[in-house]
Structures are given as structure tokens and as C-alpha cells.
């Protein structure tokens, strides 16, 4: 199975705010019958205008002959499916930084003590009692009772309330958190028995590009 990346080639704008987007992609030979995947699909096609079509991928003209053979890419079916994809997002909260730096050596946490003093603690985050679903809906209410398990440099293991962690630092501090997402994908069954890439066109109507004509 191969993947194709689409590139915008033409935009046809209308005065009412709609526009027709045309994006091209390469269709490789597949004498073994492997399908082609498209995962960079538009998020907002309107009026049911999304379509896929193919164009001829060249021709061969024999010398001293009036015959020419045109190789066509023939699409037999197009199916939709969902694929799992890992995306790295930048950490924007302490909770996300803690999750991104699990098992990192020599991580330092700035913790607020019982008497409001601030203490830097060096060690390793062994366990984070905050899962990915909690990260997506993090608020003060659901972090007040959260704890992390922290192993200090002297091998002392302590539980630290999440709300008491003010900051985190380290030489190899990770600032991006991988997140599993589910994307829509098209699986295209096609036939291209030539030795060259064919070309496909993705067309759809969308809204949001404004064209103001000038008659000067």
C-alpha cells in the first residue's frame, strides 16, 4: 500500500464566496494491485462536490505508424476508512510537560511546600496519575486531587500533589507530547499497468475565499 500527497494546482473563485479547489497527486504503477491511500483530505467540502478523477499518464507513438497507445489509470473502487496517527503537540501546561517527561533522568520540579516555600527537587517522574483523556479536559477542579510518583536523586520515592508543582526544568526536557488521533482516509483500488506515474485530480467546492473583481 502506498500513500500519495496532494498539492493544490488551481483555485476557481466565485463572487458569492465559494471556490472550486483542484489538487493533483501522483498515481504510481501497481502491477501487483496494491491500493493507494489519501489522508490529506479537505475538512469542509460543500454541496457534495468532492470527487476523484484520473488523467492519462502519457502515450507512446510508434515511428512510421499512425497508431498511438494511451495508458490510462482505471479506478475500480474508492473506500473510506479511519487510520490512527500520532501527532506531536507543543506542551502548554505543567500537566502536559509532566506527561511528556516520564522516566526522564535529572528532571527538576519546583514544588510549593506546606509553609509556602518553593523547593527545587531533582529526580525522575516514575508515575503520572493523569491520563490522556484528563489532559484534554484539564481544569483546576480535576487536578486538585491528582498525584505524581517522583523518585528523588537519593532514591527516596514520594507522592507530590499536582497542584503544588509550579515549574519543571531539565537539560533534556521534552516540550512536545505525542497524541494519538484518528483521521479519515481514502483507499483507492486502481489499475496502472504502465511504468510511469499517472496523475489524479481531487476536486471539491468550498467556502471562504472572497473575490472582489475590479472593472477599472
C-alpha atoms as a PDB file:
ATOM      1  CA  UNK A   1       0.000   0.000   0.000  1.00  0.00           C
ATOM      2  CA  UNK A   2       1.370   3.414  -0.982  1.00  0.00           C
ATOM      3  CA  UNK A   3       0.434   6.916   0.114  1.00  0.00           C
ATOM      4  CA  UNK A   4       0.037   9.987  -2.070  1.00  0.00           C
ATOM      5  CA  UNK A   5       0.340  13.653  -1.138  1.00  0.00           C
ATOM      6  CA  UNK A   6      -1.917  16.153  -2.864  1.00  0.00           C
ATOM      7  CA  UNK A   7      -0.803  19.601  -3.993  1.00  0.00           C
ATOM      8  CA  UNK A   8      -3.109  22.475  -4.879  1.00  0.00           C
ATOM      9  CA  UNK A   9      -2.896  23.312  -8.587  1.00  0.00           C
ATOM     10  CA  UNK A  10      -5.910  25.521  -9.369  1.00  0.00           C
ATOM     11  CA  UNK A  11      -8.440  27.651  -7.493  1.00  0.00           C
ATOM     12  CA  UNK A  12     -11.562  28.960  -9.223  1.00  0.00           C
ATOM     13  CA  UNK A  13     -13.185  31.710  -7.123  1.00  0.00           C
ATOM     14  CA  UNK A  14     -16.747  32.973  -7.402  1.00  0.00           C
ATOM     15  CA  UNK A  15     -18.188  36.272  -6.231  1.00  0.00           C
ATOM     16  CA  UNK A  16     -20.528  34.622  -3.704  1.00  0.00           C
ATOM     17  CA  UNK A  17     -17.605  33.300  -1.620  1.00  0.00           C
ATOM     18  CA  UNK A  18     -17.492  29.749  -2.988  1.00  0.00           C
ATOM     19  CA  UNK A  19     -14.456  28.408  -4.795  1.00  0.00           C
ATOM     20  CA  UNK A  20     -13.518  25.237  -6.629  1.00  0.00           C
ATOM     21  CA  UNK A  21     -10.236  23.683  -5.425  1.00  0.00           C
ATOM     22  CA  UNK A  22      -8.284  21.340  -7.701  1.00  0.00           C
ATOM     23  CA  UNK A  23      -5.441  19.333  -6.166  1.00  0.00           C
ATOM     24  CA  UNK A  24      -3.110  16.971  -8.020  1.00  0.00           C
ATOM     25  CA  UNK A  25      -1.451  13.773  -6.840  1.00  0.00           C
ATOM     26  CA  UNK A  26       0.736  11.104  -8.382  1.00  0.00           C
ATOM     27  CA  UNK A  27      -0.595   7.591  -9.009  1.00  0.00           C
ATOM     28  CA  UNK A  28       2.309   5.101  -9.140  1.00  0.00           C
ATOM     29  CA  UNK A  29       2.318   1.856 -11.155  1.00  0.00           C
ATOM     30  CA  UNK A  30       0.689  -1.029  -9.311  1.00  0.00           C
ATOM     31  CA  UNK A  31       1.048  -4.187 -11.311  1.00  0.00           C
ATOM     32  CA  UNK A  32       0.677  -6.047  -8.015  1.00  0.00           C
ATOM     33  CA  UNK A  33      -2.715  -4.444  -7.372  1.00  0.00           C
ATOM     34  CA  UNK A  34      -1.803  -2.502  -4.218  1.00  0.00           C
ATOM     35  CA  UNK A  35      -4.239   0.307  -3.324  1.00  0.00           C
ATOM     36  CA  UNK A  36      -3.347   3.970  -2.916  1.00  0.00           C
ATOM     37  CA  UNK A  37      -4.118   5.949   0.245  1.00  0.00           C
ATOM     38  CA  UNK A  38      -5.012   9.645   0.503  1.00  0.00           C
ATOM     39  CA  UNK A  39      -5.077  11.004   4.050  1.00  0.00           C
ATOM     40  CA  UNK A  40      -4.787  14.783   3.491  1.00  0.00           C
ATOM     41  CA  UNK A  41      -8.480  15.179   2.765  1.00  0.00           C
ATOM     42  CA  UNK A  42     -10.358  18.510   2.859  1.00  0.00           C
ATOM     43  CA  UNK A  43     -12.316  19.200   6.011  1.00  0.00           C
ATOM     44  CA  UNK A  44     -15.049  21.374   4.529  1.00  0.00           C
ATOM     45  CA  UNK A  45     -16.256  20.379   1.042  1.00  0.00           C
ATOM     46  CA  UNK A  46     -19.804  21.643   0.452  1.00  0.00           C
ATOM     47  CA  UNK A  47     -22.838  20.560  -1.580  1.00  0.00           C
ATOM     48  CA  UNK A  48     -21.494  17.041  -2.144  1.00  0.00           C
ATOM     49  CA  UNK A  49     -18.919  18.230  -4.666  1.00  0.00           C
ATOM     50  CA  UNK A  50     -15.937  16.098  -3.575  1.00  0.00           C
ATOM     51  CA  UNK A  51     -14.670  13.926  -6.450  1.00  0.00           C
ATOM     52  CA  UNK A  52     -11.609  11.968  -7.598  1.00  0.00           C
ATOM     53  CA  UNK A  53     -10.660  11.533 -11.238  1.00  0.00           C
ATOM     54  CA  UNK A  54      -7.639  10.422 -13.230  1.00  0.00           C
ATOM     55  CA  UNK A  55      -5.889  11.764 -16.320  1.00  0.00           C
ATOM     56  CA  UNK A  56      -3.847   9.907 -18.977  1.00  0.00           C
ATOM     57  CA  UNK A  57      -0.254   9.284 -17.914  1.00  0.00           C
ATOM     58  CA  UNK A  58       1.360   9.697 -21.296  1.00  0.00           C
ATOM     59  CA  UNK A  59       1.301   7.941 -24.646  1.00  0.00           C
ATOM     60  CA  UNK A  60       3.639   6.056 -26.938  1.00  0.00           C
ATOM     61  CA  UNK A  61       3.710   6.844 -30.661  1.00  0.00           C
ATOM     62  CA  UNK A  62       5.457   4.263 -32.811  1.00  0.00           C
ATOM     63  CA  UNK A  63       7.728   5.650 -35.580  1.00  0.00           C
ATOM     64  CA  UNK A  64       6.386   5.440 -39.118  1.00  0.00           C
ATOM     65  CA  UNK A  65       2.992   4.472 -37.747  1.00  0.00           C
ATOM     66  CA  UNK A  66      -0.330   6.139 -37.258  1.00  0.00           C
ATOM     67  CA  UNK A  67      -1.014   4.255 -34.015  1.00  0.00           C
ATOM     68  CA  UNK A  68      -0.581   5.667 -30.541  1.00  0.00           C
ATOM     69  CA  UNK A  69      -1.259   3.913 -27.250  1.00  0.00           C
ATOM     70  CA  UNK A  70      -2.529   5.949 -24.317  1.00  0.00           C
ATOM     71  CA  UNK A  71      -2.052   4.413 -20.867  1.00  0.00           C
ATOM     72  CA  UNK A  72      -4.959   5.118 -18.565  1.00  0.00           C
ATOM     73  CA  UNK A  73      -5.275   4.756 -14.823  1.00  0.00           C
ATOM     74  CA  UNK A  74      -8.512   2.935 -14.122  1.00  0.00           C
ATOM     75  CA  UNK A  75     -10.123   3.318 -10.697  1.00  0.00           C
ATOM     76  CA  UNK A  76     -12.253   0.349  -9.666  1.00  0.00           C
ATOM     77  CA  UNK A  77     -13.341   1.470  -6.190  1.00  0.00           C
ATOM     78  CA  UNK A  78     -12.845   4.169  -3.569  1.00  0.00           C
ATOM     79  CA  UNK A  79     -13.416   3.350   0.085  1.00  0.00           C
ATOM     80  CA  UNK A  80     -13.260   5.433   3.223  1.00  0.00           C
ATOM     81  CA  UNK A  81     -11.544   4.215   6.358  1.00  0.00           C
ATOM     82  CA  UNK A  82     -10.071   5.573   9.568  1.00  0.00           C
ATOM     83  CA  UNK A  83      -6.365   5.432  10.407  1.00  0.00           C
ATOM     84  CA  UNK A  84      -4.541   6.032  13.668  1.00  0.00           C
ATOM     85  CA  UNK A  85      -1.936   8.767  13.542  1.00  0.00           C
ATOM     86  CA  UNK A  86       0.473  10.096  16.144  1.00  0.00           C
ATOM     87  CA  UNK A  87       0.817  13.887  16.249  1.00  0.00           C
ATOM     88  CA  UNK A  88       3.255  15.797  18.443  1.00  0.00           C
ATOM     89  CA  UNK A  89       1.681  18.858  20.039  1.00  0.00           C
ATOM     90  CA  UNK A  90       3.579  21.542  21.933  1.00  0.00           C
ATOM     91  CA  UNK A  91       3.115  21.346  25.686  1.00  0.00           C
ATOM     92  CA  UNK A  92       1.230  24.323  27.067  1.00  0.00           C
ATOM     93  CA  UNK A  93       0.604  23.256  30.701  1.00  0.00           C
ATOM     94  CA  UNK A  94       2.542  21.704  33.583  1.00  0.00           C
ATOM     95  CA  UNK A  95       0.376  18.586  33.269  1.00  0.00           C
ATOM     96  CA  UNK A  96       1.419  18.103  29.635  1.00  0.00           C
ATOM     97  CA  UNK A  97       5.112  18.684  30.439  1.00  0.00           C
ATOM     98  CA  UNK A  98       4.962  16.060  33.176  1.00  0.00           C
ATOM     99  CA  UNK A  99       3.391  13.524  30.796  1.00  0.00           C
ATOM    100  CA  UNK A 100       5.981  14.295  28.103  1.00  0.00           C
ATOM    101  CA  UNK A 101       8.921  13.788  30.518  1.00  0.00           C
ATOM    102  CA  UNK A 102       8.029  10.479  32.094  1.00  0.00           C
ATOM    103  CA  UNK A 103      11.156   8.451  33.028  1.00  0.00           C
ATOM    104  CA  UNK A 104      13.488  11.317  32.106  1.00  0.00           C
ATOM    105  CA  UNK A 105      16.623  11.398  34.319  1.00  0.00           C
ATOM    106  CA  UNK A 106      17.504  14.525  36.300  1.00  0.00           C
ATOM    107  CA  UNK A 107      14.244  16.340  35.918  1.00  0.00           C
ATOM    108  CA  UNK A 108      13.796  19.195  38.384  1.00  0.00           C
ATOM    109  CA  UNK A 109      10.436  20.175  39.811  1.00  0.00           C
ATOM    110  CA  UNK A 110       9.713  23.446  41.570  1.00  0.00           C
ATOM    111  CA  UNK A 111       7.333  22.445  44.363  1.00  0.00           C
ATOM    112  CA  UNK A 112       5.467  24.641  46.794  1.00  0.00           C
ATOM    113  CA  UNK A 113       5.842  23.305  50.352  1.00  0.00           C
ATOM    114  CA  UNK A 114       3.438  23.378  53.286  1.00  0.00           C
ATOM    115  CA  UNK A 115       4.773  26.715  54.508  1.00  0.00           C
ATOM    116  CA  UNK A 116       4.506  28.265  51.031  1.00  0.00           C
ATOM    117  CA  UNK A 117       8.269  27.934  50.473  1.00  0.00           C
ATOM    118  CA  UNK A 118       9.449  26.914  46.995  1.00  0.00           C
ATOM    119  CA  UNK A 119      11.773  23.897  46.712  1.00  0.00           C
ATOM    120  CA  UNK A 120      13.595  22.543  43.670  1.00  0.00           C
ATOM    121  CA  UNK A 121      13.572  18.711  43.675  1.00  0.00           C
ATOM    122  CA  UNK A 122      15.733  16.661  41.305  1.00  0.00           C
ATOM    123  CA  UNK A 123      14.879  13.131  40.240  1.00  0.00           C
ATOM    124  CA  UNK A 124      12.680  11.088  37.907  1.00  0.00           C
ATOM    125  CA  UNK A 125       8.927  11.072  37.349  1.00  0.00           C
ATOM    126  CA  UNK A 126       8.012   7.419  37.794  1.00  0.00           C
ATOM    127  CA  UNK A 127       4.250   7.533  37.503  1.00  0.00           C
ATOM    128  CA  UNK A 128       1.819  10.147  36.333  1.00  0.00           C
ATOM    129  CA  UNK A 129      -1.692   9.653  37.640  1.00  0.00           C
ATOM    130  CA  UNK A 130      -3.069  11.784  34.835  1.00  0.00           C
ATOM    131  CA  UNK A 131      -4.191  10.045  31.652  1.00  0.00           C
ATOM    132  CA  UNK A 132      -4.596  11.426  28.163  1.00  0.00           C
ATOM    133  CA  UNK A 133      -8.351  11.877  28.489  1.00  0.00           C
ATOM    134  CA  UNK A 134      -7.806  14.036  31.567  1.00  0.00           C
ATOM    135  CA  UNK A 135      -5.297  16.170  29.664  1.00  0.00           C
ATOM    136  CA  UNK A 136      -7.915  17.085  27.084  1.00  0.00           C
ATOM    137  CA  UNK A 137     -10.266  18.420  29.774  1.00  0.00           C
ATOM    138  CA  UNK A 138      -7.775  19.625  32.383  1.00  0.00           C
ATOM    139  CA  UNK A 139      -9.163  22.107  34.896  1.00  0.00           C
ATOM    140  CA  UNK A 140      -8.355  23.150  38.449  1.00  0.00           C
ATOM    141  CA  UNK A 141     -11.233  21.031  39.746  1.00  0.00           C
ATOM    142  CA  UNK A 142      -9.940  17.718  38.404  1.00  0.00           C
ATOM    143  CA  UNK A 143      -6.252  18.366  39.232  1.00  0.00           C
ATOM    144  CA  UNK A 144      -6.633  19.272  42.917  1.00  0.00           C
ATOM    145  CA  UNK A 145      -6.503  15.634  43.997  1.00  0.00           C
ATOM    146  CA  UNK A 146      -4.057  14.356  41.355  1.00  0.00           C
ATOM    147  CA  UNK A 147      -0.671  12.991  42.386  1.00  0.00           C
ATOM    148  CA  UNK A 148       2.575  12.009  40.674  1.00  0.00           C
ATOM    149  CA  UNK A 149       5.131   9.477  41.947  1.00  0.00           C
ATOM    150  CA  UNK A 150       8.601  11.060  41.995  1.00  0.00           C
ATOM    151  CA  UNK A 151      11.939   9.338  42.698  1.00  0.00           C
ATOM    152  CA  UNK A 152      14.459  11.791  44.101  1.00  0.00           C
ATOM    153  CA  UNK A 153      18.209  11.673  43.470  1.00  0.00           C
ATOM    154  CA  UNK A 154      18.748   9.960  46.882  1.00  0.00           C
ATOM    155  CA  UNK A 155      16.340   7.133  45.796  1.00  0.00           C
ATOM    156  CA  UNK A 156      13.590   8.477  48.029  1.00  0.00           C
ATOM    157  CA  UNK A 157      10.163   7.947  46.473  1.00  0.00           C
ATOM    158  CA  UNK A 158       7.464  10.493  47.249  1.00  0.00           C
ATOM    159  CA  UNK A 159       3.997  11.425  46.034  1.00  0.00           C
ATOM    160  CA  UNK A 160       3.612  15.049  45.009  1.00  0.00           C
ATOM    161  CA  UNK A 161       0.239  16.752  44.537  1.00  0.00           C
ATOM    162  CA  UNK A 162      -0.057  18.006  41.003  1.00  0.00           C
ATOM    163  CA  UNK A 163      -1.414  21.365  42.131  1.00  0.00           C
ATOM    164  CA  UNK A 164       1.768  22.075  44.137  1.00  0.00           C
ATOM    165  CA  UNK A 165       4.109  21.816  41.105  1.00  0.00           C
ATOM    166  CA  UNK A 166       4.967  25.337  39.946  1.00  0.00           C
ATOM    167  CA  UNK A 167       7.545  24.646  37.247  1.00  0.00           C
ATOM    168  CA  UNK A 168       9.700  21.931  35.647  1.00  0.00           C
ATOM    169  CA  UNK A 169      13.157  22.082  34.075  1.00  0.00           C
ATOM    170  CA  UNK A 170      15.910  19.810  32.803  1.00  0.00           C
ATOM    171  CA  UNK A 171      18.773  19.571  30.306  1.00  0.00           C
ATOM    172  CA  UNK A 172      16.823  17.199  28.039  1.00  0.00           C
ATOM    173  CA  UNK A 173      13.344  18.475  28.805  1.00  0.00           C
ATOM    174  CA  UNK A 174      10.788  17.340  26.244  1.00  0.00           C
ATOM    175  CA  UNK A 175       8.403  20.086  25.188  1.00  0.00           C
ATOM    176  CA  UNK A 176       6.170  18.094  22.819  1.00  0.00           C
ATOM    177  CA  UNK A 177       3.595  15.483  23.747  1.00  0.00           C
ATOM    178  CA  UNK A 178       2.639  12.728  21.272  1.00  0.00           C
ATOM    179  CA  UNK A 179      -1.091  12.332  20.860  1.00  0.00           C
ATOM    180  CA  UNK A 180      -2.940   9.558  19.062  1.00  0.00           C
ATOM    181  CA  UNK A 181      -5.606  10.824  16.696  1.00  0.00           C
ATOM    182  CA  UNK A 182      -7.969   9.182  14.221  1.00  0.00           C
ATOM    183  CA  UNK A 183      -8.056  10.551  10.675  1.00  0.00           C
ATOM    184  CA  UNK A 184     -10.299   9.888   7.720  1.00  0.00           C
ATOM    185  CA  UNK A 185      -8.565   8.291   4.752  1.00  0.00           C
ATOM    186  CA  UNK A 186      -9.436   7.216   1.222  1.00  0.00           C
ATOM    187  CA  UNK A 187      -8.298   3.825  -0.036  1.00  0.00           C
ATOM    188  CA  UNK A 188      -8.299   3.768  -3.843  1.00  0.00           C
ATOM    189  CA  UNK A 189      -8.238   0.482  -5.749  1.00  0.00           C
ATOM    190  CA  UNK A 190      -6.928   1.163  -9.231  1.00  0.00           C
ATOM    191  CA  UNK A 191      -5.080  -0.291 -12.199  1.00  0.00           C
ATOM    192  CA  UNK A 192      -1.933   1.239 -13.677  1.00  0.00           C
ATOM    193  CA  UNK A 193      -0.002  -1.327 -15.687  1.00  0.00           C
ATOM    194  CA  UNK A 194       2.408   1.189 -17.225  1.00  0.00           C
ATOM    195  CA  UNK A 195       5.880   2.001 -15.938  1.00  0.00           C
ATOM    196  CA  UNK A 196       5.144   5.668 -15.310  1.00  0.00           C
ATOM    197  CA  UNK A 197       3.186   7.598 -12.720  1.00  0.00           C
ATOM    198  CA  UNK A 198      -0.326   8.591 -13.578  1.00  0.00           C
ATOM    199  CA  UNK A 199      -1.963  11.738 -12.317  1.00  0.00           C
ATOM    200  CA  UNK A 200      -5.047  12.088 -10.200  1.00  0.00           C
ATOM    201  CA  UNK A 201      -7.210  15.117  -9.510  1.00  0.00           C
ATOM    202  CA  UNK A 202      -9.089  15.852  -6.307  1.00  0.00           C
ATOM    203  CA  UNK A 203     -11.853  18.424  -6.797  1.00  0.00           C
ATOM    204  CA  UNK A 204     -14.222  19.968  -4.307  1.00  0.00           C
ATOM    205  CA  UNK A 205     -16.218  23.116  -3.705  1.00  0.00           C
ATOM    206  CA  UNK A 206     -15.570  25.047  -0.503  1.00  0.00           C
ATOM    207  CA  UNK A 207     -16.485  28.365   1.050  1.00  0.00           C
ATOM    208  CA  UNK A 208     -14.403  31.206   2.454  1.00  0.00           C
ATOM    209  CA  UNK A 209     -12.252  32.639  -0.338  1.00  0.00           C
ATOM    210  CA  UNK A 210     -13.617  36.005  -1.411  1.00  0.00           C
ATOM    211  CA  UNK A 211     -13.033  37.506  -4.834  1.00  0.00           C
ATOM    212  CA  UNK A 212     -13.779  41.187  -5.456  1.00  0.00           C
ATOM    213  CA  UNK A 213     -13.479  41.895  -9.212  1.00  0.00           C
ATOM    214  CA  UNK A 214     -12.101  45.208 -10.386  1.00  0.00           C
ATOM    215  CA  UNK A 215     -13.509  46.788 -13.537  1.00  0.00           C
ATOM    216  CA  UNK A 216     -11.004  49.640 -13.816  1.00  0.00           C
END
